[in-house]
Amino acid sequence: MKKALQVAMFSLFTVIGFNARLTNIIMKP
């Protein structure tokens, strides 16, 4: 159960980080 929670958190942070990077690239003038 704890392992699944860690995996879910890691996936969530990865998606957030990827979205932030993508937004940064798109918004760059």
Protein backbone atom coordinates (compact mmCIF):
# COMPACT_ATOMS: atom_id res chain seq x y z
CA MET A 1 0.00 0.00 0.00
CA LYS A 2 2.78 2.40 0.96
CA LYS A 3 4.71 1.50 -2.19
CA ALA A 4 1.70 2.30 -4.39
CA LEU A 5 1.35 5.68 -2.68
CA GLN A 6 5.02 6.48 -3.33
CA VAL A 7 4.66 5.51 -6.99
CA ALA A 8 1.54 7.66 -7.34
CA MET A 9 3.27 10.67 -5.75
CA PHE A 10 6.32 10.20 -7.98
CA SER A 11 4.12 10.02 -11.08
CA LEU A 12 2.22 13.14 -10.01
CA PHE A 13 5.40 15.15 -9.47
CA THR A 14 6.81 13.91 -12.78
CA VAL A 15 3.70 15.07 -14.65
CA ILE A 16 3.72 18.44 -12.87
CA GLY A 17 7.42 18.93 -13.63
CA PHE A 18 6.93 17.95 -17.27
CA ASN A 19 3.99 20.35 -17.65
CA ALA A 20 5.99 23.17 -16.03
CA ARG A 21 8.91 22.56 -18.39
CA LEU A 22 6.62 22.39 -21.42
CA THR A 23 4.88 25.62 -20.40
CA ASN A 24 8.27 27.27 -19.86
CA ILE A 25 9.37 26.28 -23.37
CA ILE A 26 6.11 27.45 -24.97
CA MET A 27 5.97 30.77 -23.07
CA LYS A 28 9.61 31.59 -23.84
CA PRO A 29 9.67 34.58 -26.22
